[in-house]
Amino acid sequence: MAPLVPVTARGEATRQRLLRAAEEEFAVRGFHVASVSSVTSRAGVGQGTFYLYFRTKEEIFVTLVRDIGHKLQEHMQAALAAEPARAAQAAMQVFVDFVCADAGLYRIVQEAQFVDVSVFREFHERVARDFGGALATRDRHDGPAVATTEVLAWALLGIGQAMGMKSAGGGQSAVPARASIEALVGRLLASRSQEPTR
């Protein structure tokens, strides 16, 4: 089913206000406790207004997870473009910063597996593709590596998630130091290029 799309700038502003309010509600209260009424109350609009932009609470949640994914992808792509020689490290830094900096946002992404597993998979497949792109950029710079790009891309995603769980709620002070991420990714890439052929 096609999303409900506002036709005016004012309508788009209201839709964005609802999305911001939903983000705050889902981040703090979780999907199952938050309600359409709590979202509209936080947004400062009537409950009927919600249904001009979203059919259900599930729809706004899925839209929010996709929006979070698009924003993360934009940051990862910008990092890759800025530092192609360090593409994998730059992508990992962006992902770890995202996971660690705002536990509420990542809680929303994680909760998606219980609300709409397809959007949960879509989010993580997009991140893995971005890691794969970072590894391909590095390979163009340093020569091909032996281990499969896809496996290492998913491994980087998992490591980033684990760092986020360790740092959950700690804010920026809990984000691993850039040097630690550089060293970790460097070791993975070094072992990747030394893997024996079969």
Protein backbone atom coordinates (compact mmCIF):
# COMPACT_ATOMS: atom_id res chain seq x y z
CA MET A 1 0.00 0.00 0.00
CA ALA A 2 1.37 3.40 -1.00
CA PRO A 3 2.21 5.83 1.81
CA LEU A 4 -0.02 8.82 2.43
CA VAL A 5 1.87 11.79 1.02
CA PRO A 6 1.19 15.41 2.08
CA VAL A 7 0.44 17.77 -0.78
CA THR A 8 1.50 21.02 0.90
CA ALA A 9 4.63 22.23 2.70
CA ARG A 10 2.53 22.73 5.82
CA GLY A 11 1.31 19.14 5.57
CA GLU A 12 4.88 17.88 5.23
CA ALA A 13 5.88 19.92 8.29
CA THR A 14 3.07 18.28 10.28
CA ARG A 15 4.11 14.84 9.05
CA GLN A 16 7.71 15.52 10.14
CA ARG A 17 6.49 16.71 13.54
CA LEU A 18 4.58 13.44 13.94
CA LEU A 19 7.68 11.45 12.97
CA ARG A 20 9.84 13.32 15.51
CA ALA A 21 7.22 12.76 18.21
CA ALA A 22 6.97 9.06 17.30
CA GLU A 23 10.76 8.77 17.46
CA GLU A 24 10.76 10.19 20.99
CA GLU A 25 7.84 8.02 22.10
CA PHE A 26 9.19 4.77 20.66
CA ALA A 27 12.72 5.50 21.92
CA VAL A 28 11.53 6.10 25.49
CA ARG A 29 8.47 3.88 25.83
CA GLY A 30 8.91 1.26 23.14
CA PHE A 31 6.53 0.37 20.34
CA HIS A 32 4.05 -1.65 22.38
CA VAL A 33 3.59 0.94 25.16
CA ALA A 34 3.55 4.03 22.94
CA SER A 35 0.22 4.82 21.30
CA VAL A 36 -1.16 6.97 18.53
CA SER A 37 -2.61 9.17 21.24
CA SER A 38 0.77 9.59 23.01
CA VAL A 39 2.44 10.42 19.67
CA THR A 40 -0.15 13.05 18.74
CA SER A 41 -0.06 14.52 22.23
CA ARG A 42 3.73 14.86 22.04
CA ALA A 43 3.43 16.36 18.53
CA GLY A 44 0.80 18.84 19.69
CA VAL A 45 -1.80 17.78 17.10
CA GLY A 46 -5.22 16.19 17.30
CA GLN A 47 -5.49 12.42 17.05
CA GLY A 48 -7.48 12.69 13.82
CA THR A 49 -4.56 14.56 12.22
CA PHE A 50 -2.41 11.45 12.62
CA TYR A 51 -4.61 9.50 10.21
CA LEU A 52 -4.12 12.08 7.46
CA TYR A 53 -0.45 10.99 7.30
CA PHE A 54 -0.31 7.42 8.65
CA ARG A 55 -2.87 4.62 8.65
CA THR A 56 -1.60 2.86 11.79
CA LYS A 57 0.97 2.98 14.55
CA GLU A 58 2.82 0.20 12.70
CA GLU A 59 3.03 2.36 9.56
CA ILE A 60 4.62 5.32 11.34
CA PHE A 61 7.02 2.93 13.09
CA VAL A 62 8.10 1.31 9.80
CA THR A 63 8.46 4.75 8.19
CA LEU A 64 10.63 5.85 11.09
CA VAL A 65 12.92 2.79 10.85
CA ARG A 66 13.33 3.39 7.11
CA ASP A 67 14.08 7.09 7.71
CA ILE A 68 16.71 6.17 10.31
CA GLY A 69 18.23 3.76 7.77
CA HIS A 70 18.32 6.42 5.04
CA LYS A 71 19.99 8.96 7.35
CA LEU A 72 22.59 6.42 8.46
CA GLN A 73 23.23 5.49 4.83
CA GLU A 74 23.77 9.17 3.91
CA HIS A 75 26.35 9.52 6.71
CA MET A 76 28.12 6.31 5.70
CA GLN A 77 28.22 7.33 2.03
CA ALA A 78 29.63 10.75 2.95
CA ALA A 79 32.34 9.09 5.06
CA LEU A 80 33.25 6.75 2.20
CA ALA A 81 33.50 9.64 -0.25
CA ALA A 82 35.62 11.69 2.15
CA GLU A 83 38.09 8.93 3.01
CA PRO A 84 38.25 6.29 0.25
CA ALA A 85 41.64 4.96 1.39
CA ARG A 86 40.15 4.29 4.84
CA ALA A 87 36.66 3.39 3.63
CA ALA A 88 36.07 0.42 5.93
CA GLN A 89 37.33 2.28 9.01
CA ALA A 90 35.28 5.37 8.14
CA ALA A 91 32.11 3.30 7.64
CA MET A 92 32.67 1.47 10.92
CA GLN A 93 33.22 4.75 12.78
CA VAL A 94 29.95 6.18 11.44
CA PHE A 95 28.03 3.02 12.37
CA VAL A 96 29.53 2.79 15.87
CA ASP A 97 28.85 6.50 16.44
CA PHE A 98 25.23 5.93 15.40
CA VAL A 99 24.74 2.88 17.61
CA CYS A 100 26.47 4.40 20.65
CA ALA A 101 25.39 8.02 20.45
CA ASP A 102 21.62 7.59 20.67
CA ALA A 103 20.52 4.41 22.40
CA GLY A 104 16.88 5.36 21.77
CA LEU A 105 17.26 5.40 17.99
CA TYR A 106 18.98 2.06 17.94
CA ARG A 107 16.35 0.67 20.33
CA ILE A 108 13.77 1.54 17.68
CA VAL A 109 15.76 -0.32 15.03
CA GLN A 110 16.22 -3.36 17.28
CA GLU A 111 12.53 -3.42 18.23
CA ALA A 112 11.63 -3.60 14.54
CA GLN A 113 12.39 -7.34 14.61
CA PHE A 114 9.28 -7.76 16.78
CA VAL A 115 7.07 -5.32 14.86
CA ASP A 116 7.95 -5.88 11.18
CA VAL A 117 10.77 -8.33 10.56
CA SER A 118 11.01 -7.34 6.88
CA VAL A 119 11.90 -3.72 7.73
CA PHE A 120 14.37 -4.99 10.36
CA ARG A 121 16.08 -7.11 7.68
CA GLU A 122 15.93 -4.26 5.17
CA PHE A 123 17.73 -1.92 7.59
CA HIS A 124 20.53 -4.39 8.32
CA GLU A 125 20.92 -5.48 4.69
CA ARG A 126 21.35 -1.81 3.74
CA VAL A 127 24.07 -1.35 6.38
CA ALA A 128 25.80 -4.57 5.26
CA ARG A 129 25.71 -3.33 1.64
CA ASP A 130 27.32 -0.07 2.76
CA PHE A 131 30.04 -2.02 4.57
CA GLY A 132 30.44 -4.11 1.42
CA GLY A 133 30.82 -0.92 -0.60
CA ALA A 134 33.44 0.31 1.85
CA LEU A 135 35.37 -2.93 1.50
CA ALA A 136 35.12 -2.80 -2.28
CA THR A 137 36.44 0.78 -2.21
CA ARG A 138 39.34 -0.36 -0.05
CA ASP A 139 40.03 -3.30 -2.39
CA ARG A 140 40.22 -0.91 -5.36
CA HIS A 141 42.73 1.10 -3.35
CA ASP A 142 44.83 -1.74 -1.91
CA GLY A 143 44.21 -4.63 -4.29
CA PRO A 144 41.77 -7.53 -3.98
CA ALA A 145 41.45 -9.52 -0.78
CA VAL A 146 40.71 -13.20 -0.38
CA ALA A 147 37.86 -13.41 2.13
CA THR A 148 34.41 -12.70 0.81
CA THR A 149 33.28 -9.12 1.10
CA GLU A 150 29.78 -10.13 2.20
CA VAL A 151 30.97 -12.18 5.17
CA LEU A 152 33.26 -9.43 6.42
CA ALA A 153 30.56 -6.79 5.86
CA TRP A 154 28.15 -8.71 8.12
CA ALA A 155 30.94 -9.30 10.66
CA LEU A 156 31.60 -5.53 10.83
CA LEU A 157 27.89 -4.91 11.33
CA GLY A 158 27.80 -7.42 14.19
CA ILE A 159 30.86 -5.91 15.85
CA GLY A 160 29.29 -2.46 15.60
CA GLN A 161 26.10 -3.74 17.22
CA ALA A 162 28.04 -5.38 20.04
CA MET A 163 29.93 -2.13 20.69
CA GLY A 164 26.58 -0.37 20.84
CA MET A 165 25.18 -2.85 23.37
CA LYS A 166 28.27 -2.42 25.53
CA SER A 167 27.94 1.35 25.36
CA ALA A 168 24.12 1.55 25.59
CA GLY A 169 23.02 4.52 27.61
CA GLY A 170 26.56 5.83 28.05
CA GLY A 171 26.28 8.58 25.41
CA GLN A 172 29.28 9.88 23.49
CA SER A 173 31.66 9.22 26.40
CA ALA A 174 31.03 5.48 25.92
CA VAL A 175 31.84 5.52 22.20
CA PRO A 176 35.03 3.55 21.56
CA ALA A 177 37.98 5.72 20.66
CA ARG A 178 38.65 6.24 16.96
CA ALA A 179 42.08 4.63 17.38
CA SER A 180 40.47 1.47 18.79
CA ILE A 181 38.13 1.20 15.81
CA GLU A 182 41.01 1.85 13.41
CA ALA A 183 43.06 -0.93 15.04
CA LEU A 184 40.17 -3.41 15.07
CA VAL A 185 39.19 -2.88 11.44
CA GLY A 186 42.87 -2.84 10.42
CA ARG A 187 43.38 -6.26 12.02
CA LEU A 188 40.30 -7.69 10.33
CA LEU A 189 41.42 -6.37 6.97
CA ALA A 190 44.96 -7.66 7.46
CA SER A 191 43.71 -11.15 8.30
CA ARG A 192 41.36 -10.96 5.33
CA SER A 193 44.22 -10.39 2.90
CA GLN A 194 46.30 -13.20 4.45
CA GLU A 195 43.58 -15.84 4.37
CA PRO A 196 44.81 -18.94 2.52
CA THR A 197 43.23 -19.82 -0.80
CA ARG A 198 41.53 -23.17 -1.29
